[in-house]
Structures are given as structure tokens and as C-alpha cells.
């Protein structure tokens, strides 16, 4: 019978032609955030690149000086974002106490980030 092959016979696949090599894309330094992040003044982030989103954090104060008072809202960069910057982002802790509060109330926004390569066209 034409086209019939025994079951125990190996058939070698035809080698596929390799695609033409494309030139390597330039890469930039980027960092993948594993934490929420508040930029420090020294963080040099290129906000026109990367892939990031923001979120607003708020909450209430737990202090004898004003139990349950609202903290000032803080806009932060969400975890999972990818930021393009020359050096690893450091982040900062911001005072979120209401105006005139008895003491500072800090919200940590330090970066926990992994370096990744960002491809540019």
C-alpha cells in the first residue's frame, strides 16, 4: 500500500529553515517593582517609558495624639510596574499626617525591585 509505514519505524522530520536573523534591539536599564513605590527626589525615572500604573493609598492613624484621624492620601506606583531608570529606584517614606498633627506619620514607599532588560525599537 502506498504511504503505509510500520508503527515501529522512526520518521525523521524535515529540518525547518531558520528565520533570518533580526538585528538585536537596544536595551535599557529597567526595574520590575515587587512593592508599591513612592519616588525619592534622587530617583531618575523616565516616566515616558516603561509600563507602570499608580494607586492611591490612604488610611487612619493609630496614635494617642489622634486615634482614627485620616491620613493624607498618597499616590504610589503599583507593584508589578516596570520602571526605566539609570540606577535602581530607592523610594522614600512620606509624612502622611494631617496638617497640624502632633507628630509625623510615615508611609513607606521604598522600592523592592529586580533589574530587567527593557527592549526599545
PDB file of N, CA and C in Angstrom:
ATOM      1  N   UNK A   1       0.831  -1.166   0.000  1.00  0.00           N
ATOM      2  CA  UNK A   1       0.000   0.000   0.000  1.00  0.00           C
ATOM      3  C   UNK A   1       0.884   1.240   0.000  1.00  0.00           C
ATOM      4  N   UNK A   2       0.600   2.161  -0.886  1.00  0.00           N
ATOM      5  CA  UNK A   2       1.411   3.371  -0.904  1.00  0.00           C
ATOM      6  C   UNK A   2       1.118   4.233   0.317  1.00  0.00           C
ATOM      7  N   UNK A   3       2.172   4.842   0.883  1.00  0.00           N
ATOM      8  CA  UNK A   3       2.037   5.739   2.030  1.00  0.00           C
ATOM      9  C   UNK A   3       1.939   5.024   3.367  1.00  0.00           C
ATOM     10  N   UNK A   4       1.916   3.666   3.339  1.00  0.00           N
ATOM     11  CA  UNK A   4       1.814   2.918   4.591  1.00  0.00           C
ATOM     12  C   UNK A   4       3.187   2.730   5.173  1.00  0.00           C
ATOM     13  N   UNK A   5       3.313   2.901   6.518  1.00  0.00           N
ATOM     14  CA  UNK A   5       4.582   2.685   7.206  1.00  0.00           C
ATOM     15  C   UNK A   5       4.312   1.845   8.440  1.00  0.00           C
ATOM     16  N   UNK A   6       5.219   0.951   8.785  1.00  0.00           N
ATOM     17  CA  UNK A   6       5.027   0.179  10.013  1.00  0.00           C
ATOM     18  C   UNK A   6       5.094   1.107  11.223  1.00  0.00           C
ATOM     19  N   UNK A   7       4.407   0.739  12.312  1.00  0.00           N
ATOM     20  CA  UNK A   7       4.334   1.576  13.504  1.00  0.00           C
ATOM     21  C   UNK A   7       5.667   1.730  14.219  1.00  0.00           C
ATOM     22  N   UNK A   8       6.557   0.788  14.141  1.00  0.00           N
ATOM     23  CA  UNK A   8       7.814   0.865  14.877  1.00  0.00           C
ATOM     24  C   UNK A   8       8.922   1.572  14.121  1.00  0.00           C
ATOM     25  N   UNK A   9       8.635   2.110  12.973  1.00  0.00           N
ATOM     26  CA  UNK A   9       9.650   2.783  12.162  1.00  0.00           C
ATOM     27  C   UNK A   9       9.664   4.268  12.507  1.00  0.00           C
ATOM     28  N   UNK A  10      10.864   4.813  12.730  1.00  0.00           N
ATOM     29  CA  UNK A  10      11.011   6.241  13.026  1.00  0.00           C
ATOM     30  C   UNK A  10      11.038   7.026  11.727  1.00  0.00           C
ATOM     31  N   UNK A  11      10.312   8.125  11.720  1.00  0.00           N
ATOM     32  CA  UNK A  11      10.333   9.012  10.564  1.00  0.00           C
ATOM     33  C   UNK A  11      10.986  10.304  11.014  1.00  0.00           C
ATOM     34  N   UNK A  12      12.077  10.660  10.407  1.00  0.00           N
ATOM     35  CA  UNK A  12      12.785  11.883  10.759  1.00  0.00           C
ATOM     36  C   UNK A  12      12.081  13.076  10.139  1.00  0.00           C
ATOM     37  N   UNK A  13      11.815  14.115  10.931  1.00  0.00           N
ATOM     38  CA  UNK A  13      11.167  15.307  10.362  1.00  0.00           C
ATOM     39  C   UNK A  13      12.150  16.070   9.478  1.00  0.00           C
ATOM     40  N   UNK A  14      11.601  16.752   8.520  1.00  0.00           N
ATOM     41  CA  UNK A  14      12.415  17.597   7.658  1.00  0.00           C
ATOM     42  C   UNK A  14      12.888  18.798   8.473  1.00  0.00           C
ATOM     43  N   UNK A  15      14.163  19.190   8.366  1.00  0.00           N
ATOM     44  CA  UNK A  15      14.622  20.369   9.107  1.00  0.00           C
ATOM     45  C   UNK A  15      13.944  21.634   8.571  1.00  0.00           C
ATOM     46  N   UNK A  16      13.553  22.494   9.505  1.00  0.00           N
ATOM     47  CA  UNK A  16      12.920  23.750   9.104  1.00  0.00           C
ATOM     48  C   UNK A  16      13.993  24.776   8.780  1.00  0.00           C
ATOM     49  N   UNK A  17      13.666  25.631   7.841  1.00  0.00           N
ATOM     50  CA  UNK A  17      14.597  26.710   7.511  1.00  0.00           C
ATOM     51  C   UNK A  17      14.613  27.705   8.660  1.00  0.00           C
ATOM     52  N   UNK A  18      15.789  28.149   9.044  1.00  0.00           N
ATOM     53  CA  UNK A  18      15.910  29.116  10.135  1.00  0.00           C
ATOM     54  C   UNK A  18      15.494  30.499   9.643  1.00  0.00           C
ATOM     55  N   UNK A  19      14.788  31.235  10.475  1.00  0.00           N
ATOM     56  CA  UNK A  19      14.411  32.592  10.048  1.00  0.00           C
ATOM     57  C   UNK A  19      15.655  33.469   9.969  1.00  0.00           C
ATOM     58  N   UNK A  20      15.558  34.492   9.125  1.00  0.00           N
ATOM     59  CA  UNK A  20      16.680  35.413   9.017  1.00  0.00           C
ATOM     60  C   UNK A  20      16.870  36.106  10.357  1.00  0.00           C
ATOM     61  N   UNK A  21      18.125  36.312  10.704  1.00  0.00           N
ATOM     62  CA  UNK A  21      18.396  36.961  11.980  1.00  0.00           C
ATOM     63  C   UNK A  21      17.982  38.422  11.916  1.00  0.00           C
ATOM     64  N   UNK A  22      17.297  38.848  12.964  1.00  0.00           N
ATOM     65  CA  UNK A  22      16.933  40.254  13.058  1.00  0.00           C
ATOM     66  C   UNK A  22      17.977  40.945  13.916  1.00  0.00           C
ATOM     67  N   UNK A  23      18.245  42.193  13.650  1.00  0.00           N
ATOM     68  CA  UNK A  23      19.246  42.875  14.465  1.00  0.00           C
ATOM     69  C   UNK A  23      18.784  42.944  15.916  1.00  0.00           C
ATOM     70  N   UNK A  24      19.729  42.841  16.813  1.00  0.00           N
ATOM     71  CA  UNK A  24      19.411  42.897  18.237  1.00  0.00           C
ATOM     72  C   UNK A  24      18.866  44.273  18.595  1.00  0.00           C
ATOM     73  N   UNK A  25      17.839  44.276  19.416  1.00  0.00           N
ATOM     74  CA  UNK A  25      17.274  45.540  19.865  1.00  0.00           C
ATOM     75  C   UNK A  25      18.133  46.094  20.992  1.00  0.00           C
ATOM     76  N   UNK A  26      18.209  47.409  21.050  1.00  0.00           N
ATOM     77  CA  UNK A  26      18.933  48.026  22.148  1.00  0.00           C
ATOM     78  C   UNK A  26      18.142  47.814  23.423  1.00  0.00           C
ATOM     79  N   UNK A  27      18.856  47.697  24.528  1.00  0.00           N
ATOM     80  CA  UNK A  27      18.177  47.510  25.806  1.00  0.00           C
ATOM     81  C   UNK A  27      18.499  48.669  26.735  1.00  0.00           C
ATOM     82  N   UNK A  28      17.548  48.960  27.607  1.00  0.00           N
ATOM     83  CA  UNK A  28      17.730  49.991  28.611  1.00  0.00           C
ATOM     84  C   UNK A  28      17.638  49.334  29.972  1.00  0.00           C
ATOM     85  N   UNK A  29      18.148  50.030  30.977  1.00  0.00           N
ATOM     86  CA  UNK A  29      18.021  49.517  32.329  1.00  0.00           C
ATOM     87  C   UNK A  29      16.596  49.744  32.803  1.00  0.00           C
ATOM     88  N   UNK A  30      16.007  48.698  33.320  1.00  0.00           N
ATOM     89  CA  UNK A  30      14.654  48.800  33.839  1.00  0.00           C
ATOM     90  C   UNK A  30      14.572  47.966  35.114  1.00  0.00           C
ATOM     91  N   UNK A  31      13.554  48.253  35.900  1.00  0.00           N
ATOM     92  CA  UNK A  31      13.385  47.579  37.181  1.00  0.00           C
ATOM     93  C   UNK A  31      11.927  47.192  37.360  1.00  0.00           C
ATOM     94  N   UNK A  32      11.717  45.943  37.754  1.00  0.00           N
ATOM     95  CA  UNK A  32      10.383  45.395  37.987  1.00  0.00           C
ATOM     96  C   UNK A  32      10.093  45.515  39.472  1.00  0.00           C
ATOM     97  N   UNK A  33       9.062  46.282  39.816  1.00  0.00           N
ATOM     98  CA  UNK A  33       8.736  46.541  41.220  1.00  0.00           C
ATOM     99  C   UNK A  33       7.991  45.369  41.850  1.00  0.00           C
ATOM    100  N   UNK A  34       8.479  44.937  42.999  1.00  0.00           N
ATOM    101  CA  UNK A  34       7.810  43.907  43.783  1.00  0.00           C
ATOM    102  C   UNK A  34       7.060  44.534  44.952  1.00  0.00           C
ATOM    103  N   UNK A  35       7.126  45.850  45.066  1.00  0.00           N
ATOM    104  CA  UNK A  35       6.470  46.577  46.152  1.00  0.00           C
ATOM    105  C   UNK A  35       5.827  47.837  45.589  1.00  0.00           C
ATOM    106  N   UNK A  36       4.927  48.434  46.382  1.00  0.00           N
ATOM    107  CA  UNK A  36       4.452  49.759  45.999  1.00  0.00           C
ATOM    108  C   UNK A  36       5.620  50.715  46.219  1.00  0.00           C
ATOM    109  N   UNK A  37       5.588  51.857  45.533  1.00  0.00           N
ATOM    110  CA  UNK A  37       6.780  52.701  45.453  1.00  0.00           C
ATOM    111  C   UNK A  37       6.391  54.167  45.413  1.00  0.00           C
ATOM    112  N   UNK A  38       7.100  54.961  46.206  1.00  0.00           N
ATOM    113  CA  UNK A  38       6.996  56.418  46.158  1.00  0.00           C
ATOM    114  C   UNK A  38       8.365  56.939  45.739  1.00  0.00           C
ATOM    115  N   UNK A  39       8.482  57.621  44.604  1.00  0.00           N
ATOM    116  CA  UNK A  39       9.800  58.077  44.139  1.00  0.00           C
ATOM    117  C   UNK A  39      10.452  59.056  45.112  1.00  0.00           C
ATOM    118  N   UNK A  40      11.739  58.889  45.288  1.00  0.00           N
ATOM    119  CA  UNK A  40      12.545  59.840  46.060  1.00  0.00           C
ATOM    120  C   UNK A  40      13.035  60.915  45.096  1.00  0.00           C
ATOM    121  N   UNK A  41      13.398  62.088  45.603  1.00  0.00           N
ATOM    122  CA  UNK A  41      13.914  63.144  44.717  1.00  0.00           C
ATOM    123  C   UNK A  41      15.122  62.693  43.885  1.00  0.00           C
ATOM    124  N   UNK A  42      15.930  61.776  44.417  1.00  0.00           N
ATOM    125  CA  UNK A  42      17.123  61.324  43.701  1.00  0.00           C
ATOM    126  C   UNK A  42      16.826  60.266  42.638  1.00  0.00           C
ATOM    127  N   UNK A  43      15.647  59.676  42.642  1.00  0.00           N
ATOM    128  CA  UNK A  43      15.298  58.655  41.651  1.00  0.00           C
ATOM    129  C   UNK A  43      15.083  59.317  40.289  1.00  0.00           C
ATOM    130  N   UNK A  44      15.876  58.915  39.307  1.00  0.00           N
ATOM    131  CA  UNK A  44      15.818  59.488  37.963  1.00  0.00           C
ATOM    132  C   UNK A  44      15.055  58.538  37.044  1.00  0.00           C
ATOM    133  N   UNK A  45      13.743  58.579  37.100  1.00  0.00           N
ATOM    134  CA  UNK A  45      12.900  57.667  36.338  1.00  0.00           C
ATOM    135  C   UNK A  45      12.436  58.354  35.060  1.00  0.00           C
ATOM    136  N   UNK A  46      12.489  57.623  33.957  1.00  0.00           N
ATOM    137  CA  UNK A  46      11.989  58.135  32.686  1.00  0.00           C
ATOM    138  C   UNK A  46      10.509  57.754  32.604  1.00  0.00           C
ATOM    139  N   UNK A  47       9.638  58.681  32.936  1.00  0.00           N
ATOM    140  CA  UNK A  47       8.205  58.412  33.002  1.00  0.00           C
ATOM    141  C   UNK A  47       7.578  58.276  31.617  1.00  0.00           C
ATOM    142  N   UNK A  48       8.335  58.559  30.541  1.00  0.00           N
ATOM    143  CA  UNK A  48       7.791  58.391  29.191  1.00  0.00           C
ATOM    144  C   UNK A  48       7.962  56.957  28.698  1.00  0.00           C
ATOM    145  N   UNK A  49       8.687  56.141  29.447  1.00  0.00           N
ATOM    146  CA  UNK A  49       8.951  54.753  29.066  1.00  0.00           C
ATOM    147  C   UNK A  49       8.512  53.835  30.189  1.00  0.00           C
ATOM    148  N   UNK A  50       8.643  52.553  29.974  1.00  0.00           N
ATOM    149  CA  UNK A  50       8.275  51.583  30.992  1.00  0.00           C
ATOM    150  C   UNK A  50       6.807  51.217  30.906  1.00  0.00           C
ATOM    151  N   UNK A  51       6.360  50.495  31.890  1.00  0.00           N
ATOM    152  CA  UNK A  51       4.971  50.050  31.965  1.00  0.00           C
ATOM    153  C   UNK A  51       4.581  50.083  33.437  1.00  0.00           C
ATOM    154  N   UNK A  52       3.837  51.100  33.812  1.00  0.00           N
ATOM    155  CA  UNK A  52       3.525  51.266  35.223  1.00  0.00           C
ATOM    156  C   UNK A  52       2.097  51.760  35.405  1.00  0.00           C
ATOM    157  N   UNK A  53       1.598  51.595  36.604  1.00  0.00           N
ATOM    158  CA  UNK A  53       0.292  52.143  36.980  1.00  0.00           C
ATOM    159  C   UNK A  53       0.434  52.721  38.385  1.00  0.00           C
ATOM    160  N   UNK A  54      -0.502  53.581  38.731  1.00  0.00           N
ATOM    161  CA  UNK A  54      -0.469  54.200  40.052  1.00  0.00           C
ATOM    162  C   UNK A  54      -1.702  53.797  40.845  1.00  0.00           C
ATOM    163  N   UNK A  55      -1.610  53.970  42.134  1.00  0.00           N
ATOM    164  CA  UNK A  55      -2.731  53.728  43.026  1.00  0.00           C
ATOM    165  C   UNK A  55      -2.669  54.750  44.146  1.00  0.00           C
ATOM    166  N   UNK A  56      -3.781  54.954  44.813  1.00  0.00           N
ATOM    167  CA  UNK A  56      -3.830  55.898  45.922  1.00  0.00           C
ATOM    168  C   UNK A  56      -4.023  55.121  47.207  1.00  0.00           C
ATOM    169  N   UNK A  57      -3.124  55.349  48.159  1.00  0.00           N
ATOM    170  CA  UNK A  57      -3.219  54.723  49.472  1.00  0.00           C
ATOM    171  C   UNK A  57      -3.679  55.768  50.479  1.00  0.00           C
ATOM    172  N   UNK A  58      -4.538  55.366  51.371  1.00  0.00           N
ATOM    173  CA  UNK A  58      -4.950  56.228  52.467  1.00  0.00           C
ATOM    174  C   UNK A  58      -5.131  55.347  53.695  1.00  0.00           C
ATOM    175  N   UNK A  59      -5.733  55.836  54.712  1.00  0.00           N
ATOM    176  CA  UNK A  59      -5.928  55.034  55.909  1.00  0.00           C
ATOM    177  C   UNK A  59      -6.165  55.923  57.111  1.00  0.00           C
ATOM    178  N   UNK A  60      -6.122  55.321  58.270  1.00  0.00           N
ATOM    179  CA  UNK A  60      -6.358  56.041  59.517  1.00  0.00           C
ATOM    180  C   UNK A  60      -5.157  55.916  60.429  1.00  0.00           C
ATOM    181  N   UNK A  61      -4.993  56.903  61.284  1.00  0.00           N
ATOM    182  CA  UNK A  61      -3.859  56.968  62.205  1.00  0.00           C
ATOM    183  C   UNK A  61      -4.203  56.216  63.479  1.00  0.00           C
ATOM    184  N   UNK A  62      -3.234  55.471  63.995  1.00  0.00           N
ATOM    185  CA  UNK A  62      -3.367  54.793  65.280  1.00  0.00           C
ATOM    186  C   UNK A  62      -2.367  55.431  66.230  1.00  0.00           C
ATOM    187  N   UNK A  63      -2.814  56.459  66.939  1.00  0.00           N
ATOM    188  CA  UNK A  63      -1.940  57.206  67.836  1.00  0.00           C
ATOM    189  C   UNK A  63      -2.791  57.851  68.926  1.00  0.00           C
ATOM    190  N   UNK A  64      -2.237  57.925  70.114  1.00  0.00           N
ATOM    191  CA  UNK A  64      -2.931  58.599  71.209  1.00  0.00           C
ATOM    192  C   UNK A  64      -3.125  60.083  70.905  1.00  0.00           C
ATOM    193  N   UNK A  65      -2.317  60.616  70.010  1.00  0.00           N
ATOM    194  CA  UNK A  65      -2.426  62.032  69.644  1.00  0.00           C
ATOM    195  C   UNK A  65      -3.612  62.300  68.724  1.00  0.00           C
ATOM    196  N   UNK A  66      -4.246  61.269  68.212  1.00  0.00           N
ATOM    197  CA  UNK A  66      -5.381  61.470  67.314  1.00  0.00           C
ATOM    198  C   UNK A  66      -5.839  60.155  66.708  1.00  0.00           C
ATOM    199  N   UNK A  67      -6.356  59.275  67.530  1.00  0.00           N
ATOM    200  CA  UNK A  67      -6.765  57.937  67.093  1.00  0.00           C
ATOM    201  C   UNK A  67      -7.859  58.024  66.035  1.00  0.00           C
ATOM    202  N   UNK A  68      -7.665  57.348  64.893  1.00  0.00           N
ATOM    203  CA  UNK A  68      -8.678  57.258  63.859  1.00  0.00           C
ATOM    204  C   UNK A  68      -8.724  58.415  62.881  1.00  0.00           C
ATOM    205  N   UNK A  69      -7.866  59.420  63.050  1.00  0.00           N
ATOM    206  CA  UNK A  69      -7.858  60.522  62.081  1.00  0.00           C
ATOM    207  C   UNK A  69      -7.369  60.011  60.729  1.00  0.00           C
ATOM    208  N   UNK A  70      -7.861  60.640  59.681  1.00  0.00           N
ATOM    209  CA  UNK A  70      -7.486  60.213  58.328  1.00  0.00           C
ATOM    210  C   UNK A  70      -6.076  60.663  57.971  1.00  0.00           C
ATOM    211  N   UNK A  71      -5.316  59.745  57.364  1.00  0.00           N
ATOM    212  CA  UNK A  71      -4.020  60.094  56.794  1.00  0.00           C
ATOM    213  C   UNK A  71      -4.255  60.835  55.489  1.00  0.00           C
ATOM    214  N   UNK A  72      -3.268  61.618  55.073  1.00  0.00           N
ATOM    215  CA  UNK A  72      -3.340  62.248  53.756  1.00  0.00           C
ATOM    216  C   UNK A  72      -3.181  61.148  52.701  1.00  0.00           C
ATOM    217  N   UNK A  73      -3.974  61.184  51.631  1.00  0.00           N
ATOM    218  CA  UNK A  73      -3.806  60.173  50.573  1.00  0.00           C
ATOM    219  C   UNK A  73      -2.440  60.312  49.908  1.00  0.00           C
ATOM    220  N   UNK A  74      -1.893  59.177  49.491  1.00  0.00           N
ATOM    221  CA  UNK A  74      -0.586  59.145  48.833  1.00  0.00           C
ATOM    222  C   UNK A  74      -0.711  58.407  47.512  1.00  0.00           C
ATOM    223  N   UNK A  75      -0.308  59.051  46.418  1.00  0.00           N
ATOM    224  CA  UNK A  75      -0.271  58.386  45.113  1.00  0.00           C
ATOM    225  C   UNK A  75       1.049  57.629  45.032  1.00  0.00           C
ATOM    226  N   UNK A  76       0.954  56.330  44.727  1.00  0.00           N
ATOM    227  CA  UNK A  76       2.133  55.469  44.682  1.00  0.00           C
ATOM    228  C   UNK A  76       2.133  54.694  43.367  1.00  0.00           C
ATOM    229  N   UNK A  77       3.312  54.223  42.969  1.00  0.00           N
ATOM    230  CA  UNK A  77       3.444  53.363  41.792  1.00  0.00           C
ATOM    231  C   UNK A  77       3.139  51.941  42.259  1.00  0.00           C
ATOM    232  N   UNK A  78       2.293  51.232  41.520  1.00  0.00           N
ATOM    233  CA  UNK A  78       1.834  49.902  41.909  1.00  0.00           C
ATOM    234  C   UNK A  78       2.917  48.845  41.741  1.00  0.00           C
ATOM    235  N   UNK A  79       2.829  47.817  42.577  1.00  0.00           N
ATOM    236  CA  UNK A  79       3.716  46.676  42.429  1.00  0.00           C
ATOM    237  C   UNK A  79       3.430  45.998  41.097  1.00  0.00           C
ATOM    238  N   UNK A  80       4.462  45.398  40.512  1.00  0.00           N
ATOM    239  CA  UNK A  80       4.330  44.796  39.188  1.00  0.00           C
ATOM    240  C   UNK A  80       4.683  45.749  38.062  1.00  0.00           C
ATOM    241  N   UNK A  81       4.850  47.025  38.375  1.00  0.00           N
ATOM    242  CA  UNK A  81       5.218  48.007  37.351  1.00  0.00           C
ATOM    243  C   UNK A  81       6.668  47.813  36.934  1.00  0.00           C
ATOM    244  N   UNK A  82       6.976  48.226  35.709  1.00  0.00           N
ATOM    245  CA  UNK A  82       8.353  48.210  35.206  1.00  0.00           C
ATOM    246  C   UNK A  82       8.754  49.655  34.943  1.00  0.00           C
ATOM    247  N   UNK A  83       9.813  50.107  35.625  1.00  0.00           N
ATOM    248  CA  UNK A  83      10.285  51.485  35.501  1.00  0.00           C
ATOM    249  C   UNK A  83      11.626  51.502  34.796  1.00  0.00           C
ATOM    250  N   UNK A  84      11.782  52.436  33.862  1.00  0.00           N
ATOM    251  CA  UNK A  84      13.054  52.609  33.157  1.00  0.00           C
ATOM    252  C   UNK A  84      13.807  53.725  33.854  1.00  0.00           C
ATOM    253  N   UNK A  85      14.994  53.391  34.365  1.00  0.00           N
ATOM    254  CA  UNK A  85      15.841  54.381  35.037  1.00  0.00           C
ATOM    255  C   UNK A  85      17.277  53.887  35.024  1.00  0.00           C
ATOM    256  N   UNK A  86      18.194  54.835  35.101  1.00  0.00           N
ATOM    257  CA  UNK A  86      19.618  54.505  35.000  1.00  0.00           C
ATOM    258  C   UNK A  86      20.099  53.692  36.213  1.00  0.00           C
ATOM    259  N   UNK A  87      19.649  54.069  37.402  1.00  0.00           N
ATOM    260  CA  UNK A  87      20.045  53.368  38.621  1.00  0.00           C
ATOM    261  C   UNK A  87      18.812  52.792  39.301  1.00  0.00           C
ATOM    262  N   UNK A  88      19.021  51.794  40.125  1.00  0.00           N
ATOM    263  CA  UNK A  88      17.904  51.155  40.827  1.00  0.00           C
ATOM    264  C   UNK A  88      17.122  52.188  41.635  1.00  0.00           C
ATOM    265  N   UNK A  89      15.799  52.168  41.546  1.00  0.00           N
ATOM    266  CA  UNK A  89      15.000  53.121  42.322  1.00  0.00           C
ATOM    267  C   UNK A  89      15.120  52.834  43.814  1.00  0.00           C
ATOM    268  N   UNK A  90      15.174  53.888  44.611  1.00  0.00           N
ATOM    269  CA  UNK A  90      15.310  53.738  46.058  1.00  0.00           C
ATOM    270  C   UNK A  90      13.974  53.912  46.772  1.00  0.00           C
ATOM    271  N   UNK A  91      13.225  54.949  46.390  1.00  0.00           N
ATOM    272  CA  UNK A  91      11.956  55.223  47.033  1.00  0.00           C
ATOM    273  C   UNK A  91      12.132  56.083  48.270  1.00  0.00           C
ATOM    274  N   UNK A  92      11.013  56.365  48.932  1.00  0.00           N
ATOM    275  CA  UNK A  92      11.038  57.249  50.090  1.00  0.00           C
ATOM    276  C   UNK A  92       9.866  56.943  51.007  1.00  0.00           C
ATOM    277  N   UNK A  93       9.974  57.424  52.235  1.00  0.00           N
ATOM    278  CA  UNK A  93       8.865  57.384  53.189  1.00  0.00           C
ATOM    279  C   UNK A  93       8.323  58.803  53.277  1.00  0.00           C
ATOM    280  N   UNK A  94       7.029  58.966  53.102  1.00  0.00           N
ATOM    281  CA  UNK A  94       6.396  60.284  53.118  1.00  0.00           C
ATOM    282  C   UNK A  94       5.581  60.457  54.394  1.00  0.00           C
ATOM    283  N   UNK A  95       5.587  61.699  54.892  1.00  0.00           N
ATOM    284  CA  UNK A  95       4.767  62.048  56.043  1.00  0.00           C
ATOM    285  C   UNK A  95       3.328  62.205  55.560  1.00  0.00           C
ATOM    286  N   UNK A  96       2.426  61.405  56.092  1.00  0.00           N
ATOM    287  CA  UNK A  96       1.023  61.447  55.680  1.00  0.00           C
ATOM    288  C   UNK A  96       0.111  61.994  56.778  1.00  0.00           C
ATOM    289  N   UNK A  97       0.719  62.604  57.792  1.00  0.00           N
ATOM    290  CA  UNK A  97      -0.084  63.157  58.888  1.00  0.00           C
ATOM    291  C   UNK A  97      -0.911  64.336  58.390  1.00  0.00           C
ATOM    292  N   UNK A  98      -2.120  64.504  58.947  1.00  0.00           N
ATOM    293  CA  UNK A  98      -2.907  65.680  58.575  1.00  0.00           C
ATOM    294  C   UNK A  98      -2.185  66.949  59.016  1.00  0.00           C
ATOM    295  N   UNK A  99      -2.484  68.043  58.352  1.00  0.00           N
ATOM    296  CA  UNK A  99      -1.840  69.311  58.688  1.00  0.00           C
ATOM    297  C   UNK A  99      -2.111  69.645  60.155  1.00  0.00           C
ATOM    298  N   UNK A 100      -1.048  70.035  60.871  1.00  0.00           N
ATOM    299  CA  UNK A 100      -1.165  70.410  62.268  1.00  0.00           C
ATOM    300  C   UNK A 100      -1.188  69.237  63.230  1.00  0.00           C
ATOM    301  N   UNK A 101      -0.972  68.028  62.745  1.00  0.00           N
ATOM    302  CA  UNK A 101      -0.969  66.850  63.630  1.00  0.00           C
ATOM    303  C   UNK A 101       0.226  66.915  64.569  1.00  0.00           C
ATOM    304  N   UNK A 102       0.134  66.270  65.725  1.00  0.00           N
ATOM    305  CA  UNK A 102       1.153  66.360  66.772  1.00  0.00           C
ATOM    306  C   UNK A 102       2.510  65.774  66.384  1.00  0.00           C
ATOM    307  N   UNK A 103       2.536  64.836  65.470  1.00  0.00           N
ATOM    308  CA  UNK A 103       3.807  64.206  65.074  1.00  0.00           C
ATOM    309  C   UNK A 103       3.686  63.681  63.646  1.00  0.00           C
ATOM    310  N   UNK A 104       4.828  63.377  63.007  1.00  0.00           N
ATOM    311  CA  UNK A 104       4.765  62.823  61.646  1.00  0.00           C
ATOM    312  C   UNK A 104       4.189  61.400  61.656  1.00  0.00           C
ATOM    313  N   UNK A 105       3.531  61.044  60.584  1.00  0.00           N
ATOM    314  CA  UNK A 105       3.010  59.693  60.374  1.00  0.00           C
ATOM    315  C   UNK A 105       3.506  59.273  58.994  1.00  0.00           C
ATOM    316  N   UNK A 106       4.419  58.313  58.959  1.00  0.00           N
ATOM    317  CA  UNK A 106       5.086  57.962  57.704  1.00  0.00           C
ATOM    318  C   UNK A 106       4.440  56.770  57.009  1.00  0.00           C
ATOM    319  N   UNK A 107       4.449  56.822  55.687  1.00  0.00           N
ATOM    320  CA  UNK A 107       4.048  55.689  54.852  1.00  0.00           C
ATOM    321  C   UNK A 107       5.276  55.309  54.030  1.00  0.00           C
ATOM    322  N   UNK A 108       5.709  54.062  54.165  1.00  0.00           N
ATOM    323  CA  UNK A 108       6.902  53.596  53.449  1.00  0.00           C
ATOM    324  C   UNK A 108       6.592  53.376  51.978  1.00  0.00           C
ATOM    325  N   UNK A 109       7.481  53.863  51.131  1.00  0.00           N
ATOM    326  CA  UNK A 109       7.365  53.660  49.689  1.00  0.00           C
ATOM    327  C   UNK A 109       8.704  53.266  49.113  1.00  0.00           C
ATOM    328  N   UNK A 110       9.484  52.489  49.895  1.00  0.00           N
ATOM    329  CA  UNK A 110      10.808  52.067  49.434  1.00  0.00           C
ATOM    330  C   UNK A 110      10.668  50.995  48.359  1.00  0.00           C
ATOM    331  N   UNK A 111      11.537  51.048  47.382  1.00  0.00           N
ATOM    332  CA  UNK A 111      11.461  50.119  46.252  1.00  0.00           C
ATOM    333  C   UNK A 111      12.090  48.774  46.602  1.00  0.00           C
ATOM    334  N   UNK A 112      11.360  47.726  46.298  1.00  0.00           N
ATOM    335  CA  UNK A 112      11.895  46.374  46.249  1.00  0.00           C
ATOM    336  C   UNK A 112      11.757  46.004  44.778  1.00  0.00           C
ATOM    337  N   UNK A 113      12.894  45.953  44.064  1.00  0.00           N
ATOM    338  CA  UNK A 113      12.836  45.831  42.605  1.00  0.00           C
ATOM    339  C   UNK A 113      13.908  44.887  42.082  1.00  0.00           C
ATOM    340  N   UNK A 114      13.588  44.242  40.972  1.00  0.00           N
ATOM    341  CA  UNK A 114      14.523  43.357  40.280  1.00  0.00           C
ATOM    342  C   UNK A 114      14.920  43.993  38.949  1.00  0.00           C
ATOM    343  N   UNK A 115      16.208  43.961  38.595  1.00  0.00           N
ATOM    344  CA  UNK A 115      16.607  44.501  37.295  1.00  0.00           C
ATOM    345  C   UNK A 115      16.107  43.612  36.162  1.00  0.00           C
ATOM    346  N   UNK A 116      15.615  44.223  35.105  1.00  0.00           N
ATOM    347  CA  UNK A 116      15.180  43.523  33.899  1.00  0.00           C
ATOM    348  C   UNK A 116      15.675  44.320  32.693  1.00  0.00           C
ATOM    349  N   UNK A 117      15.676  43.701  31.532  1.00  0.00           N
ATOM    350  CA  UNK A 117      16.058  44.413  30.316  1.00  0.00           C
ATOM    351  C   UNK A 117      14.808  44.920  29.625  1.00  0.00           C
ATOM    352  N   UNK A 118      14.808  46.170  29.274  1.00  0.00           N
ATOM    353  CA  UNK A 118      13.707  46.766  28.528  1.00  0.00           C
ATOM    354  C   UNK A 118      14.149  46.924  27.084  1.00  0.00           C
ATOM    355  N   UNK A 119      13.379  46.390  26.156  1.00  0.00           N
ATOM    356  CA  UNK A 119      13.716  46.477  24.739  1.00  0.00           C
ATOM    357  C   UNK A 119      13.126  47.743  24.157  1.00  0.00           C
ATOM    358  N   UNK A 120      13.924  48.406  23.346  1.00  0.00           N
ATOM    359  CA  UNK A 120      13.454  49.596  22.641  1.00  0.00           C
ATOM    360  C   UNK A 120      13.589  49.353  21.150  1.00  0.00           C
ATOM    361  N   UNK A 121      12.732  49.966  20.407  1.00  0.00           N
ATOM    362  CA  UNK A 121      12.770  49.785  18.951  1.00  0.00           C
ATOM    363  C   UNK A 121      13.826  50.649  18.316  1.00  0.00           C
TER     364      UNK A 121
END
